Amino acid sequence: MHRLKFLAREVGNVRRILVPLDFRRWCGALWRGRAEIWRRRSLGPADDRLGERFSIRVRGRELQLEGASFGVVREIFGRECYIAGADLANCRTVVDLGANAGTFSLFAAVNAPECRVHAVEAQPAFVPIIEANLARNGLADRVQVENALVGGVHDAWSRELVRRHPEIGTYPIGARLEALGTCDFLKCDVEGAEFRLLAEDRSWLRRVRRIALEYHGTWDDGAGLAEILRGEGLTVAQAAHGSLGYLFGSRP
């Protein structure tokens, strides 16, 4: 019963955000992959079959995306996993750490019409995808894109990335936030680098009014990060999400 309720809720979210033609394509993929979806307890097979080119509806406008995972779009636009769009409305400065194909940057730019978004992505291949998605939706002038490593070189993946792309620098978060003055919302999804990001100087957190951080590891790992955020004056809630988890912090 729980799985059926989850499926019904997710289908409703998808219907709300996908344009009708693409919603029909997704439903067809859902039906064809129903056995695998039921076995895996995941809508990933339907998301993958939709492909990386589709259109969604947000706040009365249509956005065209290419090179993006619909599973990620479904979580950010449909489930609003980081923050509700309405809660972004009055934001002026948003930082997107781990921008991937630019999905959250688009979400923020559309829902916060007065905001400036600063998108940071480590993988060079994603940068032209982000820029193309912004340009085709008329949002290129609202989002600044930077190719940099968040948290520095800290594991085998980041060492290999820098070996192949020595031009990639480390994102100096303290200096960047000092230049911004205040960050109304910071989204952090940096594939494990969140521990390194919060391991040393954390004074930059005092400039952040609200944060949503995806952590990798156990509940206790996330709880340790939550204590760090609380130490910088944030009220924090923790939520599990499969093998990952989220921390949601805000200032009173």
C-alpha atoms as a PDB file:
ATOM      1  CA  MET A   1       0.000   0.000   0.000  1.00  0.00           C
ATOM      2  CA  HIS A   2       2.826   2.401   0.852  1.00  0.00           C
ATOM      3  CA  ARG A   3       4.442   1.810  -2.537  1.00  0.00           C
ATOM      4  CA  LEU A   4       1.149   2.464  -4.322  1.00  0.00           C
ATOM      5  CA  LYS A   5       0.665   5.741  -2.456  1.00  0.00           C
ATOM      6  CA  PHE A   6       4.214   6.786  -3.322  1.00  0.00           C
ATOM      7  CA  LEU A   7       3.633   5.939  -6.993  1.00  0.00           C
ATOM      8  CA  ALA A   8       0.366   7.861  -7.107  1.00  0.00           C
ATOM      9  CA  ARG A   9       2.005  10.896  -5.511  1.00  0.00           C
ATOM     10  CA  GLU A  10       4.959  10.823  -7.888  1.00  0.00           C
ATOM     11  CA  VAL A  11       2.739  10.401 -10.963  1.00  0.00           C
ATOM     12  CA  GLY A  12       0.807  13.451  -9.767  1.00  0.00           C
ATOM     13  CA  ASN A  13       4.044  15.422  -9.435  1.00  0.00           C
ATOM     14  CA  VAL A  14       5.163  14.392 -12.918  1.00  0.00           C
ATOM     15  CA  ARG A  15       1.794  15.316 -14.421  1.00  0.00           C
ATOM     16  CA  ARG A  16       2.064  18.721 -12.776  1.00  0.00           C
ATOM     17  CA  ILE A  17       5.481  19.565 -14.213  1.00  0.00           C
ATOM     18  CA  LEU A  18       5.784  17.797 -17.590  1.00  0.00           C
ATOM     19  CA  VAL A  19       4.087  19.243 -20.668  1.00  0.00           C
ATOM     20  CA  PRO A  20       1.250  16.941 -21.864  1.00  0.00           C
ATOM     21  CA  LEU A  21       3.170  15.327 -24.734  1.00  0.00           C
ATOM     22  CA  ASP A  22       6.142  14.468 -22.545  1.00  0.00           C
ATOM     23  CA  PHE A  23       3.866  13.309 -19.739  1.00  0.00           C
ATOM     24  CA  ARG A  24       2.299  10.808 -22.136  1.00  0.00           C
ATOM     25  CA  ARG A  25       5.784   9.645 -23.154  1.00  0.00           C
ATOM     26  CA  TRP A  26       6.741   9.198 -19.502  1.00  0.00           C
ATOM     27  CA  CYS A  27       3.557   7.266 -18.741  1.00  0.00           C
ATOM     28  CA  GLY A  28       4.300   4.980 -21.681  1.00  0.00           C
ATOM     29  CA  ALA A  29       7.785   4.384 -20.280  1.00  0.00           C
ATOM     30  CA  LEU A  30       6.253   3.756 -16.861  1.00  0.00           C
ATOM     31  CA  TRP A  31       3.957   1.074 -18.284  1.00  0.00           C
ATOM     32  CA  ARG A  32       6.654  -0.613 -20.360  1.00  0.00           C
ATOM     33  CA  GLY A  33       9.057  -0.715 -17.445  1.00  0.00           C
ATOM     34  CA  ARG A  34       6.488  -1.557 -14.776  1.00  0.00           C
ATOM     35  CA  ALA A  35       8.035  -4.914 -13.826  1.00  0.00           C
ATOM     36  CA  GLU A  36      11.501  -3.457 -13.343  1.00  0.00           C
ATOM     37  CA  ILE A  37      10.100  -0.410 -11.545  1.00  0.00           C
ATOM     38  CA  TRP A  38       8.143  -2.592  -9.118  1.00  0.00           C
ATOM     39  CA  ARG A  39      11.154  -4.829  -8.515  1.00  0.00           C
ATOM     40  CA  ARG A  40      13.602  -1.973  -7.967  1.00  0.00           C
ATOM     41  CA  ARG A  41      11.089   0.214  -6.107  1.00  0.00           C
ATOM     42  CA  SER A  42      12.302   3.096  -8.218  1.00  0.00           C
ATOM     43  CA  LEU A  43      10.898   5.233 -11.026  1.00  0.00           C
ATOM     44  CA  GLY A  44      14.378   5.451 -12.511  1.00  0.00           C
ATOM     45  CA  PRO A  45      13.597   3.185 -15.487  1.00  0.00           C
ATOM     46  CA  ALA A  46      10.729   5.447 -16.599  1.00  0.00           C
ATOM     47  CA  ASP A  47      12.852   8.557 -16.027  1.00  0.00           C
ATOM     48  CA  ASP A  48      15.689   7.094 -18.105  1.00  0.00           C
ATOM     49  CA  ARG A  49      13.405   6.067 -20.966  1.00  0.00           C
ATOM     50  CA  LEU A  50      12.084   9.622 -21.223  1.00  0.00           C
ATOM     51  CA  GLY A  51      15.565  10.651 -22.315  1.00  0.00           C
ATOM     52  CA  GLU A  52      17.470  13.878 -21.726  1.00  0.00           C
ATOM     53  CA  ARG A  53      15.306  16.205 -23.808  1.00  0.00           C
ATOM     54  CA  PHE A  54      11.912  17.288 -22.487  1.00  0.00           C
ATOM     55  CA  SER A  55       9.862  20.323 -21.469  1.00  0.00           C
ATOM     56  CA  ILE A  56       8.366  21.217 -18.111  1.00  0.00           C
ATOM     57  CA  ARG A  57       5.852  23.788 -16.877  1.00  0.00           C
ATOM     58  CA  VAL A  58       6.742  26.122 -14.011  1.00  0.00           C
ATOM     59  CA  ARG A  59       4.932  29.234 -12.786  1.00  0.00           C
ATOM     60  CA  GLY A  60       2.983  29.631 -16.019  1.00  0.00           C
ATOM     61  CA  ARG A  61       5.941  29.237 -18.352  1.00  0.00           C
ATOM     62  CA  GLU A  62       7.503  26.370 -20.277  1.00  0.00           C
ATOM     63  CA  LEU A  63      11.139  25.401 -19.825  1.00  0.00           C
ATOM     64  CA  GLN A  64      13.030  23.266 -22.333  1.00  0.00           C
ATOM     65  CA  LEU A  65      15.803  21.083 -20.924  1.00  0.00           C
ATOM     66  CA  GLU A  66      18.476  19.057 -22.672  1.00  0.00           C
ATOM     67  CA  GLY A  67      21.240  16.944 -21.159  1.00  0.00           C
ATOM     68  CA  ALA A  68      19.458  16.771 -17.808  1.00  0.00           C
ATOM     69  CA  SER A  69      18.275  13.725 -15.864  1.00  0.00           C
ATOM     70  CA  PHE A  70      14.513  13.711 -15.496  1.00  0.00           C
ATOM     71  CA  GLY A  71      14.920  11.884 -12.192  1.00  0.00           C
ATOM     72  CA  VAL A  72      16.751  14.943 -10.858  1.00  0.00           C
ATOM     73  CA  VAL A  73      14.152  17.266 -12.379  1.00  0.00           C
ATOM     74  CA  ARG A  74      11.376  15.217 -10.785  1.00  0.00           C
ATOM     75  CA  GLU A  75      12.982  15.602  -7.361  1.00  0.00           C
ATOM     76  CA  ILE A  76      13.781  19.319  -7.634  1.00  0.00           C
ATOM     77  CA  PHE A  77      10.708  20.604  -9.491  1.00  0.00           C
ATOM     78  CA  GLY A  78       8.170  17.916  -8.595  1.00  0.00           C
ATOM     79  CA  ARG A  79       9.070  16.907  -5.063  1.00  0.00           C
ATOM     80  CA  GLU A  80      10.826  20.226  -4.277  1.00  0.00           C
ATOM     81  CA  CYS A  81      13.435  18.251  -2.349  1.00  0.00           C
ATOM     82  CA  TYR A  82      15.681  21.200  -1.486  1.00  0.00           C
ATOM     83  CA  ILE A  83      13.151  23.966  -0.962  1.00  0.00           C
ATOM     84  CA  ALA A  84       9.617  24.839  -2.004  1.00  0.00           C
ATOM     85  CA  GLY A  85       9.505  27.218  -4.926  1.00  0.00           C
ATOM     86  CA  ALA A  86       7.265  29.608  -2.993  1.00  0.00           C
ATOM     87  CA  ASP A  87       9.918  29.913  -0.267  1.00  0.00           C
ATOM     88  CA  LEU A  88      12.415  31.222  -2.817  1.00  0.00           C
ATOM     89  CA  ALA A  89      10.180  34.035  -4.023  1.00  0.00           C
ATOM     90  CA  ASN A  90      11.879  36.865  -2.120  1.00  0.00           C
ATOM     91  CA  CYS A  91      15.456  35.607  -2.409  1.00  0.00           C
ATOM     92  CA  ARG A  92      17.997  37.930  -4.010  1.00  0.00           C
ATOM     93  CA  THR A  93      21.114  35.744  -3.853  1.00  0.00           C
ATOM     94  CA  VAL A  94      21.185  31.960  -4.369  1.00  0.00           C
ATOM     95  CA  VAL A  95      24.279  29.733  -4.512  1.00  0.00           C
ATOM     96  CA  ASP A  96      24.042  26.329  -6.238  1.00  0.00           C
ATOM     97  CA  LEU A  97      26.982  24.115  -5.250  1.00  0.00           C
ATOM     98  CA  GLY A  98      27.057  21.031  -7.463  1.00  0.00           C
ATOM     99  CA  ALA A  99      24.979  22.448 -10.319  1.00  0.00           C
ATOM    100  CA  ASN A 100      25.178  19.363 -12.580  1.00  0.00           C
ATOM    101  CA  ALA A 101      23.084  20.232 -15.683  1.00  0.00           C
ATOM    102  CA  GLY A 102      21.742  23.413 -14.059  1.00  0.00           C
ATOM    103  CA  THR A 103      18.391  22.016 -12.892  1.00  0.00           C
ATOM    104  CA  PHE A 104      18.345  23.715  -9.499  1.00  0.00           C
ATOM    105  CA  SER A 105      19.721  26.958 -10.936  1.00  0.00           C
ATOM    106  CA  LEU A 106      16.761  27.011 -13.335  1.00  0.00           C
ATOM    107  CA  PHE A 107      14.388  26.206 -10.468  1.00  0.00           C
ATOM    108  CA  ALA A 108      15.748  29.106  -8.411  1.00  0.00           C
ATOM    109  CA  ALA A 109      15.809  31.611 -11.270  1.00  0.00           C
ATOM    110  CA  VAL A 110      12.198  30.900 -12.227  1.00  0.00           C
ATOM    111  CA  ASN A 111      10.814  30.874  -8.679  1.00  0.00           C
ATOM    112  CA  ALA A 112      12.797  33.887  -7.447  1.00  0.00           C
ATOM    113  CA  PRO A 113      12.388  36.469 -10.221  1.00  0.00           C
ATOM    114  CA  GLU A 114      14.598  39.063  -8.497  1.00  0.00           C
ATOM    115  CA  CYS A 115      17.458  36.739  -7.577  1.00  0.00           C
ATOM    116  CA  ARG A 116      20.947  36.285  -8.921  1.00  0.00           C
ATOM    117  CA  VAL A 117      22.076  32.644  -8.976  1.00  0.00           C
ATOM    118  CA  HIS A 118      25.707  31.563  -8.647  1.00  0.00           C
ATOM    119  CA  ALA A 119      26.111  28.029 -10.031  1.00  0.00           C
ATOM    120  CA  VAL A 120      29.264  26.011  -9.312  1.00  0.00           C
ATOM    121  CA  GLU A 121      30.023  22.720 -11.084  1.00  0.00           C
ATOM    122  CA  ALA A 122      33.243  20.691 -10.984  1.00  0.00           C
ATOM    123  CA  GLN A 123      32.824  18.672 -14.189  1.00  0.00           C
ATOM    124  CA  PRO A 124      33.746  20.731 -17.272  1.00  0.00           C
ATOM    125  CA  ALA A 125      31.418  18.722 -19.521  1.00  0.00           C
ATOM    126  CA  PHE A 126      28.388  20.032 -17.643  1.00  0.00           C
ATOM    127  CA  VAL A 127      29.270  23.724 -18.033  1.00  0.00           C
ATOM    128  CA  PRO A 128      28.134  24.086 -21.690  1.00  0.00           C
ATOM    129  CA  ILE A 129      24.998  22.072 -20.843  1.00  0.00           C
ATOM    130  CA  ILE A 130      24.146  24.478 -18.015  1.00  0.00           C
ATOM    131  CA  GLU A 131      24.814  27.499 -20.205  1.00  0.00           C
ATOM    132  CA  ALA A 132      22.723  26.088 -23.071  1.00  0.00           C
ATOM    133  CA  ASN A 133      19.780  25.318 -20.780  1.00  0.00           C
ATOM    134  CA  LEU A 134      19.927  28.831 -19.359  1.00  0.00           C
ATOM    135  CA  ALA A 135      20.188  30.435 -22.803  1.00  0.00           C
ATOM    136  CA  ARG A 136      17.319  28.513 -24.409  1.00  0.00           C
ATOM    137  CA  ASN A 137      15.064  29.559 -21.520  1.00  0.00           C
ATOM    138  CA  GLY A 138      16.094  33.203 -21.455  1.00  0.00           C
ATOM    139  CA  LEU A 139      17.823  33.027 -18.068  1.00  0.00           C
ATOM    140  CA  ALA A 140      21.498  33.330 -18.982  1.00  0.00           C
ATOM    141  CA  ASP A 141      21.732  36.877 -17.619  1.00  0.00           C
ATOM    142  CA  ARG A 142      20.459  35.764 -14.194  1.00  0.00           C
ATOM    143  CA  VAL A 143      22.892  32.918 -13.517  1.00  0.00           C
ATOM    144  CA  GLN A 144      26.672  33.060 -13.215  1.00  0.00           C
ATOM    145  CA  VAL A 145      28.346  29.695 -13.925  1.00  0.00           C
ATOM    146  CA  GLU A 146      31.740  28.733 -12.489  1.00  0.00           C
ATOM    147  CA  ASN A 147      33.715  25.556 -13.163  1.00  0.00           C
ATOM    148  CA  ALA A 148      35.444  24.743  -9.852  1.00  0.00           C
ATOM    149  CA  LEU A 149      35.863  22.030  -7.236  1.00  0.00           C
ATOM    150  CA  VAL A 150      33.901  22.541  -4.037  1.00  0.00           C
ATOM    151  CA  GLY A 151      35.818  21.256  -1.025  1.00  0.00           C
ATOM    152  CA  GLY A 152      39.063  20.933  -2.950  1.00  0.00           C
ATOM    153  CA  VAL A 153      40.898  17.804  -4.038  1.00  0.00           C
ATOM    154  CA  HIS A 154      39.890  15.272  -1.392  1.00  0.00           C
ATOM    155  CA  ASP A 155      39.405  11.826  -2.958  1.00  0.00           C
ATOM    156  CA  ALA A 156      40.355   9.615  -5.916  1.00  0.00           C
ATOM    157  CA  TRP A 157      37.600  11.076  -8.116  1.00  0.00           C
ATOM    158  CA  SER A 158      38.675  14.697  -7.598  1.00  0.00           C
ATOM    159  CA  ARG A 159      42.366  13.819  -8.021  1.00  0.00           C
ATOM    160  CA  GLU A 160      41.608  12.151 -11.351  1.00  0.00           C
ATOM    161  CA  LEU A 161      39.460  15.105 -12.447  1.00  0.00           C
ATOM    162  CA  VAL A 162      42.274  17.569 -11.747  1.00  0.00           C
ATOM    163  CA  ARG A 163      44.800  15.295 -13.466  1.00  0.00           C
ATOM    164  CA  ARG A 164      42.663  15.352 -16.633  1.00  0.00           C
ATOM    165  CA  HIS A 165      41.703  19.023 -16.286  1.00  0.00           C
ATOM    166  CA  PRO A 166      44.509  20.860 -14.472  1.00  0.00           C
ATOM    167  CA  GLU A 167      42.836  24.190 -15.246  1.00  0.00           C
ATOM    168  CA  ILE A 168      40.075  23.491 -12.720  1.00  0.00           C
ATOM    169  CA  GLY A 169      40.528  25.452  -9.519  1.00  0.00           C
ATOM    170  CA  THR A 170      39.077  25.123  -6.043  1.00  0.00           C
ATOM    171  CA  TYR A 171      35.988  27.159  -5.222  1.00  0.00           C
ATOM    172  CA  PRO A 172      37.001  29.753  -2.578  1.00  0.00           C
ATOM    173  CA  ILE A 173      33.675  29.800  -0.784  1.00  0.00           C
ATOM    174  CA  GLY A 174      34.746  32.245   1.923  1.00  0.00           C
ATOM    175  CA  ALA A 175      35.916  34.854  -0.566  1.00  0.00           C
ATOM    176  CA  ARG A 176      32.924  34.336  -2.848  1.00  0.00           C
ATOM    177  CA  LEU A 177      30.357  34.760  -0.069  1.00  0.00           C
ATOM    178  CA  GLU A 178      32.206  37.742   1.323  1.00  0.00           C
ATOM    179  CA  ALA A 179      31.909  39.364  -2.105  1.00  0.00           C
ATOM    180  CA  LEU A 180      28.185  38.561  -2.207  1.00  0.00           C
ATOM    181  CA  GLY A 181      27.599  39.932   1.286  1.00  0.00           C
ATOM    182  CA  THR A 182      24.661  37.685   2.111  1.00  0.00           C
ATOM    183  CA  CYS A 183      23.431  34.404   0.659  1.00  0.00           C
ATOM    184  CA  ASP A 184      19.664  34.002   1.003  1.00  0.00           C
ATOM    185  CA  PHE A 185      19.739  30.309   0.052  1.00  0.00           C
ATOM    186  CA  LEU A 186      22.571  27.853  -0.489  1.00  0.00           C
ATOM    187  CA  LYS A 187      22.000  24.423  -2.042  1.00  0.00           C
ATOM    188  CA  CYS A 188      24.829  21.930  -1.594  1.00  0.00           C
ATOM    189  CA  ASP A 189      25.008  18.601  -3.445  1.00  0.00           C
ATOM    190  CA  VAL A 190      28.698  17.884  -3.930  1.00  0.00           C
ATOM    191  CA  GLU A 191      28.898  14.078  -3.780  1.00  0.00           C
ATOM    192  CA  GLY A 192      30.713  13.645  -0.484  1.00  0.00           C
ATOM    193  CA  ALA A 193      32.797  16.841  -0.566  1.00  0.00           C
ATOM    194  CA  GLU A 194      30.388  18.379   1.965  1.00  0.00           C
ATOM    195  CA  PHE A 195      32.485  16.864   4.779  1.00  0.00           C
ATOM    196  CA  ARG A 196      35.644  18.563   3.495  1.00  0.00           C
ATOM    197  CA  LEU A 197      33.751  21.804   2.891  1.00  0.00           C
ATOM    198  CA  LEU A 198      32.707  21.958   6.548  1.00  0.00           C
ATOM    199  CA  ALA A 199      35.919  20.518   8.019  1.00  0.00           C
ATOM    200  CA  GLU A 200      37.985  23.684   8.371  1.00  0.00           C
ATOM    201  CA  ASP A 201      37.068  27.371   8.242  1.00  0.00           C
ATOM    202  CA  ARG A 202      33.286  27.619   8.497  1.00  0.00           C
ATOM    203  CA  SER A 203      32.948  31.356   9.089  1.00  0.00           C
ATOM    204  CA  TRP A 204      31.326  31.702   5.643  1.00  0.00           C
ATOM    205  CA  LEU A 205      28.236  29.971   7.040  1.00  0.00           C
ATOM    206  CA  ARG A 206      27.422  33.122   9.017  1.00  0.00           C
ATOM    207  CA  ARG A 207      26.563  34.806   5.718  1.00  0.00           C
ATOM    208  CA  VAL A 208      24.047  32.063   4.803  1.00  0.00           C
ATOM    209  CA  ARG A 209      20.441  32.618   5.825  1.00  0.00           C
ATOM    210  CA  ARG A 210      19.137  29.256   4.672  1.00  0.00           C
ATOM    211  CA  ILE A 211      20.796  26.054   3.470  1.00  0.00           C
ATOM    212  CA  ALA A 212      19.800  22.657   2.065  1.00  0.00           C
ATOM    213  CA  LEU A 213      22.641  20.139   2.092  1.00  0.00           C
ATOM    214  CA  GLU A 214      22.593  16.594   0.737  1.00  0.00           C
ATOM    215  CA  TYR A 215      24.986  14.389   2.674  1.00  0.00           C
ATOM    216  CA  HIS A 216      26.443  10.998   1.799  1.00  0.00           C
ATOM    217  CA  GLY A 217      26.883   8.425   4.529  1.00  0.00           C
ATOM    218  CA  THR A 218      25.058   7.279   7.626  1.00  0.00           C
ATOM    219  CA  TRP A 219      22.523   9.100   9.754  1.00  0.00           C
ATOM    220  CA  ASP A 220      25.285   9.693  12.308  1.00  0.00           C
ATOM    221  CA  ASP A 221      27.477  11.226   9.603  1.00  0.00           C
ATOM    222  CA  GLY A 222      24.684  13.648   8.815  1.00  0.00           C
ATOM    223  CA  ALA A 223      24.100  14.360  12.482  1.00  0.00           C
ATOM    224  CA  GLY A 224      27.749  15.371  12.804  1.00  0.00           C
ATOM    225  CA  LEU A 225      27.333  17.886   9.978  1.00  0.00           C
ATOM    226  CA  ALA A 226      24.117  19.124  11.580  1.00  0.00           C
ATOM    227  CA  GLU A 227      26.029  19.949  14.777  1.00  0.00           C
ATOM    228  CA  ILE A 228      28.519  21.973  12.753  1.00  0.00           C
ATOM    229  CA  LEU A 229      25.672  23.989  11.219  1.00  0.00           C
ATOM    230  CA  ARG A 230      24.089  24.526  14.634  1.00  0.00           C
ATOM    231  CA  GLY A 231      27.428  25.767  15.906  1.00  0.00           C
ATOM    232  CA  GLU A 232      27.221  28.551  13.323  1.00  0.00           C
ATOM    233  CA  GLY A 233      23.795  29.661  14.540  1.00  0.00           C
ATOM    234  CA  LEU A 234      21.516  27.700  12.224  1.00  0.00           C
ATOM    235  CA  THR A 235      18.406  25.807  13.281  1.00  0.00           C
ATOM    236  CA  VAL A 236      18.711  22.409  11.572  1.00  0.00           C
ATOM    237  CA  ALA A 237      16.349  19.585  10.600  1.00  0.00           C
ATOM    238  CA  GLN A 238      17.631  16.236   9.317  1.00  0.00           C
ATOM    239  CA  ALA A 239      15.823  13.905   6.919  1.00  0.00           C
ATOM    240  CA  ALA A 240      16.755  10.475   5.536  1.00  0.00           C
ATOM    241  CA  HIS A 241      16.451   9.769   1.812  1.00  0.00           C
ATOM    242  CA  GLY A 242      17.435   6.218   0.899  1.00  0.00           C
ATOM    243  CA  SER A 243      21.191   5.864   1.222  1.00  0.00           C
ATOM    244  CA  LEU A 244      21.550   9.640   1.427  1.00  0.00           C
ATOM    245  CA  GLY A 245      20.142  12.339   3.653  1.00  0.00           C
ATOM    246  CA  TYR A 246      19.295  16.023   3.772  1.00  0.00           C
ATOM    247  CA  LEU A 247      20.026  18.788   6.247  1.00  0.00           C
ATOM    248  CA  PHE A 248      17.826  21.874   6.173  1.00  0.00           C
ATOM    249  CA  GLY A 249      19.182  24.859   8.055  1.00  0.00           C
ATOM    250  CA  SER A 250      17.819  28.345   8.623  1.00  0.00           C
ATOM    251  CA  ARG A 251      18.474  31.332  10.827  1.00  0.00           C
ATOM    252  CA  PRO A 252      15.779  32.287  13.331  1.00  0.00           C
END
